[in-house]
Amino acid sequence: MLNILSISSISIALIFLVYSIISYKKKSIIYAVRDGKEKVTVLKDDYYKMQLLFCVLNCILLILETLIIYIHSNSGLFTLYYIGTFWIVNYLLKFMAIKMKYLGKCHE
């Protein structure tokens, strides 16, 4: 039986997936993407598809990590891997989206 940490970790990944599906459908982002101190805006709608693909990858990785760590019962190491994976995949998404000109600086 999965413990509370495992259930919470899987739930967080699935909530993030639902958020990405909503963003994809509505073509809007809820949180503010920033590059340093400057706000970043979506320039091309292709960003939402890219975000969804990265989110699916992120969710798969997070759920696999959760199951592997649950089997090995190492919750201290799990937290580092979980947060690291989440941060790295999202950083790669932002980095690639800016390089592909899907995101750009907001000129308010």
N, C-alpha and C. Protein backbone atom coordinates (compact mmCIF):
# COMPACT_ATOMS: atom_id res chain seq x y z
N MET A 1 0.85 -1.19 0.00
CA MET A 1 0.00 0.00 0.00
C MET A 1 0.89 1.25 0.00
N LEU A 2 0.53 2.21 -0.80
CA LEU A 2 1.30 3.44 -0.89
C LEU A 2 1.11 4.29 0.37
N ASN A 3 2.19 4.94 0.79
CA ASN A 3 2.08 5.80 1.96
C ASN A 3 1.63 7.21 1.55
N ILE A 4 1.44 8.09 2.53
CA ILE A 4 0.94 9.45 2.29
C ILE A 4 1.88 10.24 1.38
N LEU A 5 3.20 10.14 1.58
CA LEU A 5 4.16 10.86 0.75
C LEU A 5 4.04 10.45 -0.71
N SER A 6 3.91 9.17 -0.96
CA SER A 6 3.79 8.67 -2.33
C SER A 6 2.49 9.14 -2.98
N ILE A 7 1.40 9.05 -2.24
CA ILE A 7 0.10 9.49 -2.77
C ILE A 7 0.13 10.99 -3.06
N SER A 8 0.71 11.77 -2.15
CA SER A 8 0.82 13.22 -2.35
C SER A 8 1.67 13.54 -3.56
N SER A 9 2.77 12.84 -3.72
CA SER A 9 3.68 13.08 -4.85
C SER A 9 3.02 12.77 -6.18
N ILE A 10 2.31 11.69 -6.25
CA ILE A 10 1.59 11.34 -7.48
C ILE A 10 0.47 12.35 -7.73
N SER A 11 -0.22 12.77 -6.67
CA SER A 11 -1.30 13.76 -6.81
C SER A 11 -0.77 15.08 -7.36
N ILE A 12 0.38 15.54 -6.86
CA ILE A 12 0.97 16.79 -7.34
C ILE A 12 1.27 16.69 -8.83
N ALA A 13 1.83 15.57 -9.26
CA ALA A 13 2.14 15.38 -10.68
C ALA A 13 0.86 15.41 -11.52
N LEU A 14 -0.19 14.77 -11.04
CA LEU A 14 -1.45 14.74 -11.79
C LEU A 14 -2.14 16.10 -11.80
N ILE A 15 -2.04 16.86 -10.72
CA ILE A 15 -2.60 18.22 -10.68
C ILE A 15 -1.87 19.10 -11.69
N PHE A 16 -0.56 18.96 -11.77
CA PHE A 16 0.23 19.71 -12.75
C PHE A 16 -0.20 19.33 -14.17
N LEU A 17 -0.49 18.06 -14.40
CA LEU A 17 -0.96 17.61 -15.71
C LEU A 17 -2.31 18.25 -16.04
N VAL A 18 -3.22 18.27 -15.09
CA VAL A 18 -4.53 18.88 -15.31
C VAL A 18 -4.36 20.37 -15.62
N TYR A 19 -3.48 21.04 -14.88
CA TYR A 19 -3.20 22.46 -15.14
C TYR A 19 -2.72 22.66 -16.59
N SER A 20 -1.82 21.81 -17.05
CA SER A 20 -1.29 21.94 -18.41
C SER A 20 -2.36 21.67 -19.46
N ILE A 21 -3.24 20.74 -19.19
CA ILE A 21 -4.34 20.46 -20.13
C ILE A 21 -5.26 21.67 -20.21
N ILE A 22 -5.57 22.28 -19.07
CA ILE A 22 -6.41 23.48 -19.04
C ILE A 22 -5.72 24.61 -19.79
N SER A 23 -4.43 24.81 -19.55
CA SER A 23 -3.67 25.85 -20.25
C SER A 23 -3.70 25.61 -21.76
N TYR A 24 -3.54 24.36 -22.16
CA TYR A 24 -3.55 24.01 -23.58
C TYR A 24 -4.92 24.32 -24.21
N LYS A 25 -5.98 23.94 -23.52
CA LYS A 25 -7.32 24.15 -24.05
C LYS A 25 -7.69 25.63 -24.11
N LYS A 26 -7.36 26.38 -23.04
CA LYS A 26 -7.73 27.80 -22.97
C LYS A 26 -6.72 28.72 -23.64
N LYS A 27 -5.55 28.19 -23.98
CA LYS A 27 -4.47 28.98 -24.57
C LYS A 27 -4.11 30.17 -23.67
N SER A 28 -3.94 29.88 -22.40
CA SER A 28 -3.50 30.90 -21.45
C SER A 28 -2.72 30.24 -20.32
N ILE A 29 -1.79 31.00 -19.74
CA ILE A 29 -1.04 30.49 -18.60
C ILE A 29 -1.53 31.23 -17.36
N ILE A 30 -1.64 30.52 -16.29
CA ILE A 30 -2.18 31.08 -15.05
C ILE A 30 -1.08 31.75 -14.24
N TYR A 31 0.06 31.13 -14.14
CA TYR A 31 1.16 31.69 -13.37
C TYR A 31 2.01 32.59 -14.25
N ALA A 32 2.76 33.49 -13.65
CA ALA A 32 3.61 34.42 -14.39
C ALA A 32 4.96 33.76 -14.67
N VAL A 33 5.27 33.60 -15.95
CA VAL A 33 6.59 33.10 -16.35
C VAL A 33 7.54 34.29 -16.33
N ARG A 34 8.69 34.12 -15.69
CA ARG A 34 9.64 35.21 -15.60
C ARG A 34 11.00 34.76 -16.12
N ASP A 35 11.71 35.72 -16.68
CA ASP A 35 13.10 35.53 -17.08
C ASP A 35 13.88 36.59 -16.31
N GLY A 36 14.46 36.19 -15.20
CA GLY A 36 15.07 37.17 -14.30
C GLY A 36 13.95 37.92 -13.61
N LYS A 37 13.94 39.24 -13.71
CA LYS A 37 12.89 40.05 -13.11
C LYS A 37 11.80 40.44 -14.10
N GLU A 38 12.04 40.17 -15.39
CA GLU A 38 11.09 40.57 -16.42
C GLU A 38 10.06 39.47 -16.66
N LYS A 39 8.82 39.90 -16.81
CA LYS A 39 7.74 38.97 -17.13
C LYS A 39 7.87 38.52 -18.59
N VAL A 40 7.55 37.27 -18.83
CA VAL A 40 7.62 36.69 -20.17
C VAL A 40 6.20 36.42 -20.65
N THR A 41 5.94 36.68 -21.92
CA THR A 41 4.61 36.46 -22.47
C THR A 41 4.68 35.43 -23.61
N VAL A 42 3.55 34.81 -23.89
CA VAL A 42 3.47 33.82 -24.97
C VAL A 42 3.35 34.55 -26.29
N LEU A 43 4.28 34.27 -27.22
CA LEU A 43 4.28 34.90 -28.54
C LEU A 43 3.60 34.01 -29.59
N LYS A 44 3.73 32.70 -29.44
CA LYS A 44 3.13 31.75 -30.38
C LYS A 44 2.35 30.70 -29.59
N ASP A 45 1.18 30.36 -30.11
CA ASP A 45 0.35 29.37 -29.43
C ASP A 45 0.98 27.98 -29.40
N ASP A 46 2.01 27.75 -30.21
CA ASP A 46 2.71 26.46 -30.18
C ASP A 46 3.32 26.19 -28.80
N TYR A 47 3.51 27.25 -28.01
CA TYR A 47 4.05 27.09 -26.66
C TYR A 47 3.18 26.16 -25.83
N TYR A 48 1.86 26.28 -25.97
CA TYR A 48 0.95 25.48 -25.14
C TYR A 48 1.07 24.00 -25.45
N LYS A 49 1.28 23.67 -26.71
CA LYS A 49 1.49 22.26 -27.08
C LYS A 49 2.81 21.77 -26.49
N MET A 50 3.85 22.61 -26.60
CA MET A 50 5.15 22.26 -26.04
C MET A 50 5.05 22.09 -24.52
N GLN A 51 4.31 22.99 -23.87
CA GLN A 51 4.13 22.90 -22.42
C GLN A 51 3.44 21.59 -22.04
N LEU A 52 2.43 21.22 -22.80
CA LEU A 52 1.70 19.98 -22.52
C LEU A 52 2.61 18.76 -22.69
N LEU A 53 3.41 18.74 -23.75
CA LEU A 53 4.33 17.62 -23.97
C LEU A 53 5.37 17.52 -22.85
N PHE A 54 5.93 18.65 -22.44
CA PHE A 54 6.89 18.64 -21.34
C PHE A 54 6.22 18.21 -20.05
N CYS A 55 4.97 18.62 -19.85
CA CYS A 55 4.25 18.23 -18.64
C CYS A 55 4.00 16.73 -18.61
N VAL A 56 3.63 16.15 -19.72
CA VAL A 56 3.42 14.69 -19.77
C VAL A 56 4.72 13.98 -19.42
N LEU A 57 5.83 14.43 -20.02
CA LEU A 57 7.14 13.86 -19.70
C LEU A 57 7.45 14.03 -18.21
N ASN A 58 7.21 15.22 -17.69
CA ASN A 58 7.47 15.50 -16.28
C ASN A 58 6.64 14.59 -15.38
N CYS A 59 5.37 14.43 -15.69
CA CYS A 59 4.49 13.59 -14.88
C CYS A 59 4.93 12.13 -14.89
N ILE A 60 5.30 11.65 -16.06
CA ILE A 60 5.77 10.27 -16.15
C ILE A 60 7.01 10.08 -15.29
N LEU A 61 7.97 11.01 -15.42
CA LEU A 61 9.20 10.92 -14.62
C LEU A 61 8.91 10.99 -13.12
N LEU A 62 8.03 11.92 -12.72
CA LEU A 62 7.73 12.08 -11.30
C LEU A 62 7.02 10.85 -10.73
N ILE A 63 6.10 10.28 -11.48
CA ILE A 63 5.39 9.09 -11.00
C ILE A 63 6.33 7.89 -10.95
N LEU A 64 7.19 7.74 -11.96
CA LEU A 64 8.18 6.65 -11.92
C LEU A 64 9.13 6.81 -10.73
N GLU A 65 9.61 8.03 -10.51
CA GLU A 65 10.48 8.29 -9.35
C GLU A 65 9.77 7.94 -8.05
N THR A 66 8.51 8.34 -7.96
CA THR A 66 7.74 8.06 -6.74
C THR A 66 7.65 6.57 -6.50
N LEU A 67 7.34 5.81 -7.54
CA LEU A 67 7.21 4.36 -7.38
C LEU A 67 8.55 3.69 -7.07
N ILE A 68 9.62 4.15 -7.73
CA ILE A 68 10.94 3.57 -7.47
C ILE A 68 11.40 3.87 -6.04
N ILE A 69 11.23 5.10 -5.63
CA ILE A 69 11.65 5.48 -4.27
C ILE A 69 10.77 4.79 -3.24
N TYR A 70 9.47 4.61 -3.53
CA TYR A 70 8.59 3.90 -2.60
C TYR A 70 9.09 2.47 -2.39
N ILE A 71 9.50 1.83 -3.47
CA ILE A 71 10.01 0.46 -3.38
C ILE A 71 11.27 0.40 -2.53
N HIS A 72 12.14 1.40 -2.68
CA HIS A 72 13.41 1.41 -1.96
C HIS A 72 13.34 2.12 -0.60
N SER A 73 12.21 2.75 -0.29
CA SER A 73 11.97 3.41 1.01
C SER A 73 13.07 4.40 1.40
N ASN A 74 13.38 5.33 0.52
CA ASN A 74 14.39 6.35 0.81
C ASN A 74 13.76 7.73 0.58
N SER A 75 13.00 8.23 1.56
CA SER A 75 12.26 9.47 1.38
C SER A 75 13.15 10.71 1.36
N GLY A 76 14.31 10.69 2.01
CA GLY A 76 15.21 11.84 2.00
C GLY A 76 15.76 12.11 0.61
N LEU A 77 16.20 11.07 -0.04
CA LEU A 77 16.73 11.18 -1.39
C LEU A 77 15.60 11.48 -2.39
N PHE A 78 14.44 10.96 -2.11
CA PHE A 78 13.28 11.17 -2.98
C PHE A 78 12.97 12.65 -3.15
N THR A 79 12.97 13.40 -2.06
CA THR A 79 12.63 14.82 -2.11
C THR A 79 13.57 15.57 -3.04
N LEU A 80 14.86 15.28 -2.97
CA LEU A 80 15.83 15.93 -3.86
C LEU A 80 15.57 15.58 -5.32
N TYR A 81 15.37 14.31 -5.62
CA TYR A 81 15.11 13.89 -6.99
C TYR A 81 13.80 14.48 -7.52
N TYR A 82 12.77 14.45 -6.71
CA TYR A 82 11.44 14.93 -7.12
C TYR A 82 11.48 16.41 -7.47
N ILE A 83 11.99 17.21 -6.55
CA ILE A 83 12.08 18.66 -6.78
C ILE A 83 13.04 18.96 -7.93
N GLY A 84 14.17 18.25 -7.97
CA GLY A 84 15.14 18.45 -9.05
C GLY A 84 14.55 18.15 -10.41
N THR A 85 13.86 17.04 -10.53
CA THR A 85 13.24 16.66 -11.80
C THR A 85 12.21 17.69 -12.23
N PHE A 86 11.34 18.08 -11.31
CA PHE A 86 10.30 19.07 -11.60
C PHE A 86 10.93 20.38 -12.08
N TRP A 87 11.94 20.85 -11.37
CA TRP A 87 12.58 22.12 -11.70
C TRP A 87 13.33 22.05 -13.03
N ILE A 88 14.09 21.00 -13.23
CA ILE A 88 14.89 20.87 -14.46
C ILE A 88 14.00 20.78 -15.70
N VAL A 89 12.96 19.98 -15.67
CA VAL A 89 12.08 19.84 -16.83
C VAL A 89 11.39 21.17 -17.13
N ASN A 90 10.93 21.87 -16.09
CA ASN A 90 10.27 23.16 -16.32
C ASN A 90 11.26 24.22 -16.78
N TYR A 91 12.49 24.19 -16.28
CA TYR A 91 13.51 25.12 -16.75
C TYR A 91 13.82 24.85 -18.22
N LEU A 92 13.94 23.59 -18.61
CA LEU A 92 14.18 23.24 -20.02
C LEU A 92 13.04 23.72 -20.91
N LEU A 93 11.82 23.59 -20.44
CA LEU A 93 10.67 24.07 -21.20
C LEU A 93 10.80 25.57 -21.44
N LYS A 94 11.05 26.33 -20.39
CA LYS A 94 11.17 27.79 -20.53
C LYS A 94 12.34 28.15 -21.44
N PHE A 95 13.48 27.52 -21.23
CA PHE A 95 14.68 27.79 -22.02
C PHE A 95 14.42 27.52 -23.50
N MET A 96 13.87 26.35 -23.81
CA MET A 96 13.62 25.99 -25.21
C MET A 96 12.54 26.88 -25.83
N ALA A 97 11.51 27.22 -25.06
CA ALA A 97 10.44 28.07 -25.58
C ALA A 97 10.95 29.47 -25.91
N ILE A 98 11.87 29.99 -25.10
CA ILE A 98 12.46 31.30 -25.39
C ILE A 98 13.36 31.21 -26.62
N LYS A 99 14.17 30.16 -26.71
CA LYS A 99 15.06 29.98 -27.86
C LYS A 99 14.27 29.79 -29.17
N MET A 100 13.13 29.13 -29.08
CA MET A 100 12.31 28.89 -30.26
C MET A 100 11.36 30.07 -30.54
N LYS A 101 11.46 31.11 -29.71
CA LYS A 101 10.66 32.32 -29.82
C LYS A 101 9.16 32.07 -29.63
N TYR A 102 8.84 31.08 -28.80
CA TYR A 102 7.46 30.87 -28.40
C TYR A 102 7.11 31.80 -27.24
N LEU A 103 8.12 32.17 -26.45
CA LEU A 103 7.99 33.10 -25.34
C LEU A 103 8.91 34.28 -25.59
N GLY A 104 8.52 35.45 -25.08
CA GLY A 104 9.35 36.63 -25.21
C GLY A 104 9.10 37.60 -24.07
N LYS A 105 9.95 38.58 -23.93
CA LYS A 105 9.84 39.58 -22.88
C LYS A 105 8.55 40.40 -23.08
N CYS A 106 7.89 40.65 -21.99
CA CYS A 106 6.67 41.45 -22.00
C CYS A 106 7.05 42.93 -21.93
N HIS A 107 6.54 43.71 -22.85
CA HIS A 107 6.85 45.15 -22.88
C HIS A 107 5.63 45.91 -22.39
N GLU A 108 5.54 46.05 -21.06
CA GLU A 108 4.37 46.74 -20.48
C GLU A 108 4.66 48.20 -20.29
